[in-house]
C-alpha atoms as a PDB file:
ATOM      1  CA  UNK A   1     -56.799   0.404  80.494  1.00  0.00           C
ATOM      2  CA  UNK A   2     -60.210  -1.463  80.344  1.00  0.00           C
ATOM      3  CA  UNK A   3     -60.111  -4.940  78.883  1.00  0.00           C
ATOM      4  CA  UNK A   4     -63.182  -7.044  77.959  1.00  0.00           C
ATOM      5  CA  UNK A   5     -62.700 -10.761  78.229  1.00  0.00           C
ATOM      6  CA  UNK A   6     -64.996 -13.109  76.364  1.00  0.00           C
ATOM      7  CA  UNK A   7     -65.773 -16.771  76.794  1.00  0.00           C
ATOM      8  CA  UNK A   8     -67.810 -17.358  73.506  1.00  0.00           C
ATOM      9  CA  UNK A   9     -70.914 -19.516  73.257  1.00  0.00           C
ATOM     10  CA  UNK A  10     -74.361 -19.539  71.785  1.00  0.00           C
ATOM     11  CA  UNK A  11     -76.506 -20.278  74.790  1.00  0.00           C
ATOM     12  CA  UNK A  12     -74.174 -18.464  77.184  1.00  0.00           C
ATOM     13  CA  UNK A  13     -71.485 -15.901  76.429  1.00  0.00           C
ATOM     14  CA  UNK A  14     -69.300 -15.214  79.426  1.00  0.00           C
ATOM     15  CA  UNK A  15     -68.016 -11.630  79.736  1.00  0.00           C
ATOM     16  CA  UNK A  16     -65.671  -9.902  82.140  1.00  0.00           C
ATOM     17  CA  UNK A  17     -64.484  -6.239  82.217  1.00  0.00           C
ATOM     18  CA  UNK A  18     -61.260  -5.530  84.168  1.00  0.00           C
ATOM     19  CA  UNK A  19     -59.247  -2.404  84.499  1.00  0.00           C
ATOM     20  CA  UNK A  20     -55.439  -2.627  84.453  1.00  0.00           C
ATOM     21  CA  UNK A  21     -53.374  -0.009  86.206  1.00  0.00           C
ATOM     22  CA  UNK A  22     -49.687  -0.942  85.979  1.00  0.00           C
ATOM     23  CA  UNK A  23     -49.446  -4.412  87.596  1.00  0.00           C
ATOM     24  CA  UNK A  24     -52.744  -4.167  89.324  1.00  0.00           C
ATOM     25  CA  UNK A  25     -56.035  -5.402  88.090  1.00  0.00           C
ATOM     26  CA  UNK A  26     -59.607  -4.611  89.266  1.00  0.00           C
ATOM     27  CA  UNK A  27     -62.826  -6.305  88.250  1.00  0.00           C
ATOM     28  CA  UNK A  28     -65.366  -3.842  86.864  1.00  0.00           C
ATOM     29  CA  UNK A  29     -68.140  -6.307  85.974  1.00  0.00           C
ATOM     30  CA  UNK A  30     -68.725  -9.882  84.985  1.00  0.00           C
ATOM     31  CA  UNK A  31     -71.594 -11.968  83.943  1.00  0.00           C
ATOM     32  CA  UNK A  32     -73.244 -13.753  81.023  1.00  0.00           C
ATOM     33  CA  UNK A  33     -75.327 -13.109  78.040  1.00  0.00           C
ATOM     34  CA  UNK A  34     -77.971 -15.852  77.738  1.00  0.00           C
ATOM     35  CA  UNK A  35     -79.868 -16.754  74.618  1.00  0.00           C
ATOM     36  CA  UNK A  36     -83.107 -18.800  74.520  1.00  0.00           C
ATOM     37  CA  UNK A  37     -82.958 -22.362  73.329  1.00  0.00           C
ATOM     38  CA  UNK A  38     -85.293 -23.228  70.493  1.00  0.00           C
ATOM     39  CA  UNK A  39     -84.871 -19.761  68.919  1.00  0.00           C
ATOM     40  CA  UNK A  40     -83.371 -19.523  65.387  1.00  0.00           C
ATOM     41  CA  UNK A  41     -79.601 -19.299  65.443  1.00  0.00           C
ATOM     42  CA  UNK A  42     -79.662 -15.934  63.697  1.00  0.00           C
ATOM     43  CA  UNK A  43     -81.919 -14.432  66.311  1.00  0.00           C
ATOM     44  CA  UNK A  44     -79.616 -15.723  69.061  1.00  0.00           C
ATOM     45  CA  UNK A  45     -76.548 -14.275  67.231  1.00  0.00           C
ATOM     46  CA  UNK A  46     -78.355 -10.885  66.958  1.00  0.00           C
ATOM     47  CA  UNK A  47     -79.125 -10.908  70.641  1.00  0.00           C
ATOM     48  CA  UNK A  48     -75.506 -11.617  71.403  1.00  0.00           C
ATOM     49  CA  UNK A  49     -74.522  -8.567  69.205  1.00  0.00           C
ATOM     50  CA  UNK A  50     -77.061  -6.173  70.736  1.00  0.00           C
ATOM     51  CA  UNK A  51     -76.232  -7.200  74.364  1.00  0.00           C
ATOM     52  CA  UNK A  52     -72.587  -7.029  73.717  1.00  0.00           C
ATOM     53  CA  UNK A  53     -72.850  -3.627  72.147  1.00  0.00           C
ATOM     54  CA  UNK A  54     -74.654  -2.394  75.298  1.00  0.00           C
ATOM     55  CA  UNK A  55     -71.805  -3.568  77.479  1.00  0.00           C
ATOM     56  CA  UNK A  56     -69.175  -2.191  75.218  1.00  0.00           C
ATOM     57  CA  UNK A  57     -70.961   1.257  75.356  1.00  0.00           C
ATOM     58  CA  UNK A  58     -70.897   1.118  79.121  1.00  0.00           C
ATOM     59  CA  UNK A  59     -67.270   0.158  79.679  1.00  0.00           C
ATOM     60  CA  UNK A  60     -65.491   1.426  76.518  1.00  0.00           C
ATOM     61  CA  UNK A  61     -62.735  -1.217  76.597  1.00  0.00           C
ATOM     62  CA  UNK A  62     -59.493  -0.583  74.802  1.00  0.00           C
ATOM     63  CA  UNK A  63     -59.042  -4.261  73.966  1.00  0.00           C
ATOM     64  CA  UNK A  64     -61.235  -7.335  73.669  1.00  0.00           C
ATOM     65  CA  UNK A  65     -59.677 -10.740  74.455  1.00  0.00           C
ATOM     66  CA  UNK A  66     -61.647 -13.822  73.384  1.00  0.00           C
ATOM     67  CA  UNK A  67     -60.856 -17.440  74.101  1.00  0.00           C
ATOM     68  CA  UNK A  68     -59.958 -19.501  71.019  1.00  0.00           C
ATOM     69  CA  UNK A  69     -62.232 -22.386  70.180  1.00  0.00           C
ATOM     70  CA  UNK A  70     -61.430 -25.885  71.290  1.00  0.00           C
ATOM     71  CA  UNK A  71     -63.150 -28.695  69.438  1.00  0.00           C
ATOM     72  CA  UNK A  72     -63.341 -32.033  71.156  1.00  0.00           C
ATOM     73  CA  UNK A  73     -66.087 -34.503  70.415  1.00  0.00           C
ATOM     74  CA  UNK A  74     -69.092 -32.378  69.497  1.00  0.00           C
ATOM     75  CA  UNK A  75     -68.303 -30.593  66.291  1.00  0.00           C
ATOM     76  CA  UNK A  76     -71.991 -29.555  65.854  1.00  0.00           C
ATOM     77  CA  UNK A  77     -71.857 -27.499  69.010  1.00  0.00           C
ATOM     78  CA  UNK A  78     -68.350 -26.163  68.053  1.00  0.00           C
ATOM     79  CA  UNK A  79     -69.850 -24.788  64.792  1.00  0.00           C
ATOM     80  CA  UNK A  80     -72.525 -22.860  66.712  1.00  0.00           C
ATOM     81  CA  UNK A  81     -69.977 -21.480  69.049  1.00  0.00           C
ATOM     82  CA  UNK A  82     -67.687 -20.508  66.063  1.00  0.00           C
ATOM     83  CA  UNK A  83     -70.713 -18.541  64.693  1.00  0.00           C
ATOM     84  CA  UNK A  84     -71.128 -16.711  68.027  1.00  0.00           C
ATOM     85  CA  UNK A  85     -67.378 -16.057  68.216  1.00  0.00           C
ATOM     86  CA  UNK A  86     -67.469 -14.570  64.726  1.00  0.00           C
ATOM     87  CA  UNK A  87     -70.335 -12.175  65.706  1.00  0.00           C
ATOM     88  CA  UNK A  88     -68.336 -11.086  68.828  1.00  0.00           C
ATOM     89  CA  UNK A  89     -65.204 -10.453  66.804  1.00  0.00           C
ATOM     90  CA  UNK A  90     -67.127  -8.568  64.206  1.00  0.00           C
ATOM     91  CA  UNK A  91     -68.835  -6.453  66.879  1.00  0.00           C
ATOM     92  CA  UNK A  92     -65.527  -5.484  68.243  1.00  0.00           C
ATOM     93  CA  UNK A  93     -64.006  -4.762  64.809  1.00  0.00           C
ATOM     94  CA  UNK A  94     -66.982  -2.509  63.827  1.00  0.00           C
ATOM     95  CA  UNK A  95     -66.230  -0.442  66.984  1.00  0.00           C
ATOM     96  CA  UNK A  96     -62.489  -0.319  66.224  1.00  0.00           C
ATOM     97  CA  UNK A  97     -61.589  -2.356  69.347  1.00  0.00           C
ATOM     98  CA  UNK A  98     -58.487  -4.453  68.908  1.00  0.00           C
ATOM     99  CA  UNK A  99     -59.074  -8.141  69.325  1.00  0.00           C
ATOM    100  CA  UNK A 100     -56.687 -10.688  70.878  1.00  0.00           C
ATOM    101  CA  UNK A 101     -57.272 -14.438  70.957  1.00  0.00           C
ATOM    102  CA  UNK A 102     -55.825 -16.784  73.540  1.00  0.00           C
ATOM    103  CA  UNK A 103     -56.024 -20.633  73.756  1.00  0.00           C
ATOM    104  CA  UNK A 104     -57.210 -22.272  76.985  1.00  0.00           C
ATOM    105  CA  UNK A 105     -53.536 -23.346  77.606  1.00  0.00           C
ATOM    106  CA  UNK A 106     -52.329 -19.736  77.325  1.00  0.00           C
ATOM    107  CA  UNK A 107     -55.069 -18.568  79.705  1.00  0.00           C
ATOM    108  CA  UNK A 108     -54.218 -21.212  82.331  1.00  0.00           C
ATOM    109  CA  UNK A 109     -50.459 -20.418  82.011  1.00  0.00           C
ATOM    110  CA  UNK A 110     -50.995 -16.677  82.341  1.00  0.00           C
ATOM    111  CA  UNK A 111     -53.446 -16.915  85.269  1.00  0.00           C
ATOM    112  CA  UNK A 112     -52.391 -19.871  87.227  1.00  0.00           C
ATOM    113  CA  UNK A 113     -48.779 -20.305  86.104  1.00  0.00           C
ATOM    114  CA  UNK A 114     -49.400 -23.802  84.812  1.00  0.00           C
ATOM    115  CA  UNK A 115     -50.865 -24.693  81.384  1.00  0.00           C
ATOM    116  CA  UNK A 116     -52.650 -27.780  82.658  1.00  0.00           C
ATOM    117  CA  UNK A 117     -54.057 -26.121  85.664  1.00  0.00           C
ATOM    118  CA  UNK A 118     -57.621 -27.399  86.757  1.00  0.00           C
ATOM    119  CA  UNK A 119     -60.644 -25.154  86.317  1.00  0.00           C
ATOM    120  CA  UNK A 120     -60.918 -24.515  90.123  1.00  0.00           C
ATOM    121  CA  UNK A 121     -57.198 -23.445  90.247  1.00  0.00           C
ATOM    122  CA  UNK A 122     -57.683 -20.908  87.484  1.00  0.00           C
ATOM    123  CA  UNK A 123     -60.947 -19.662  89.217  1.00  0.00           C
ATOM    124  CA  UNK A 124     -59.180 -19.242  92.527  1.00  0.00           C
ATOM    125  CA  UNK A 125     -56.156 -17.475  90.958  1.00  0.00           C
ATOM    126  CA  UNK A 126     -58.619 -15.155  89.103  1.00  0.00           C
ATOM    127  CA  UNK A 127     -60.308 -14.383  92.471  1.00  0.00           C
ATOM    128  CA  UNK A 128     -56.978 -13.597  94.123  1.00  0.00           C
ATOM    129  CA  UNK A 129     -55.552 -11.537  91.197  1.00  0.00           C
ATOM    130  CA  UNK A 130     -58.760  -9.440  91.117  1.00  0.00           C
ATOM    131  CA  UNK A 131     -59.138  -9.214  94.915  1.00  0.00           C
ATOM    132  CA  UNK A 132     -62.630 -10.696  94.760  1.00  0.00           C
ATOM    133  CA  UNK A 133     -64.297 -12.060  97.961  1.00  0.00           C
ATOM    134  CA  UNK A 134     -65.246 -15.233  96.235  1.00  0.00           C
ATOM    135  CA  UNK A 135     -64.549 -17.125  92.956  1.00  0.00           C
ATOM    136  CA  UNK A 136     -66.604 -15.516  90.201  1.00  0.00           C
ATOM    137  CA  UNK A 137     -69.722 -17.258  89.048  1.00  0.00           C
ATOM    138  CA  UNK A 138     -71.057 -18.538  86.780  1.00  0.00           C
ATOM    139  CA  UNK A 139     -68.057 -20.503  85.276  1.00  0.00           C
ATOM    140  CA  UNK A 140     -68.518 -18.712  81.861  1.00  0.00           C
ATOM    141  CA  UNK A 141     -68.029 -15.329  83.508  1.00  0.00           C
ATOM    142  CA  UNK A 142     -65.021 -16.672  85.555  1.00  0.00           C
ATOM    143  CA  UNK A 143     -63.573 -17.836  82.317  1.00  0.00           C
ATOM    144  CA  UNK A 144     -64.054 -14.535  80.577  1.00  0.00           C
ATOM    145  CA  UNK A 145     -62.330 -12.709  83.500  1.00  0.00           C
ATOM    146  CA  UNK A 146     -59.452 -15.205  83.204  1.00  0.00           C
ATOM    147  CA  UNK A 147     -59.170 -14.362  79.517  1.00  0.00           C
ATOM    148  CA  UNK A 148     -59.088 -10.673  80.325  1.00  0.00           C
ATOM    149  CA  UNK A 149     -56.462 -11.198  82.896  1.00  0.00           C
ATOM    150  CA  UNK A 150     -54.445 -13.245  80.317  1.00  0.00           C
ATOM    151  CA  UNK A 151     -54.442 -10.235  77.976  1.00  0.00           C
ATOM    152  CA  UNK A 152     -53.584  -7.858  80.740  1.00  0.00           C
ATOM    153  CA  UNK A 153     -50.551  -9.978  81.743  1.00  0.00           C
ATOM    154  CA  UNK A 154     -49.547 -10.415  78.080  1.00  0.00           C
ATOM    155  CA  UNK A 155     -49.935  -6.760  77.199  1.00  0.00           C
ATOM    156  CA  UNK A 156     -47.991  -5.622  80.275  1.00  0.00           C
ATOM    157  CA  UNK A 157     -45.149  -7.931  79.355  1.00  0.00           C
ATOM    158  CA  UNK A 158     -45.036  -6.548  75.826  1.00  0.00           C
ATOM    159  CA  UNK A 159     -45.173  -2.979  77.082  1.00  0.00           C
ATOM    160  CA  UNK A 160     -42.512  -3.592  79.712  1.00  0.00           C
ATOM    161  CA  UNK A 161     -40.174  -5.121  77.128  1.00  0.00           C
ATOM    162  CA  UNK A 162     -40.122  -2.029  74.944  1.00  0.00           C
END
């Protein structure tokens, strides 16, 4: 089963496609969608939609896992990210791809075994679980792969418990 993981953003959207076969996972592709600063928000959102559709056409995932938003100090930035996340979820829904959302704590717990794991620990576990020669880069792509792994682990547990 192919899973698309997404780390939402406006300037940078991290994506990661993995394939799950039983308890094994394999990275298919990871990277980022970048939008240009200074361009109208609606144009940036459209670019995210167009680029994401191209990727979804290539890999035909059976699920899309997106990280939930976490607002800390900068609410204005968070609102933009919320717009981008909405476009991402809508794009998946238009294609009939089931969407699953995970908090950063859930991702850390599923991938590193500890909900308060540091970013480098999650990146290293992502590398190990996917058999990559080095930690995925940039960070947004690594986060997206971790979200995809989180869903793979969660979906496997649900399937195994039936």
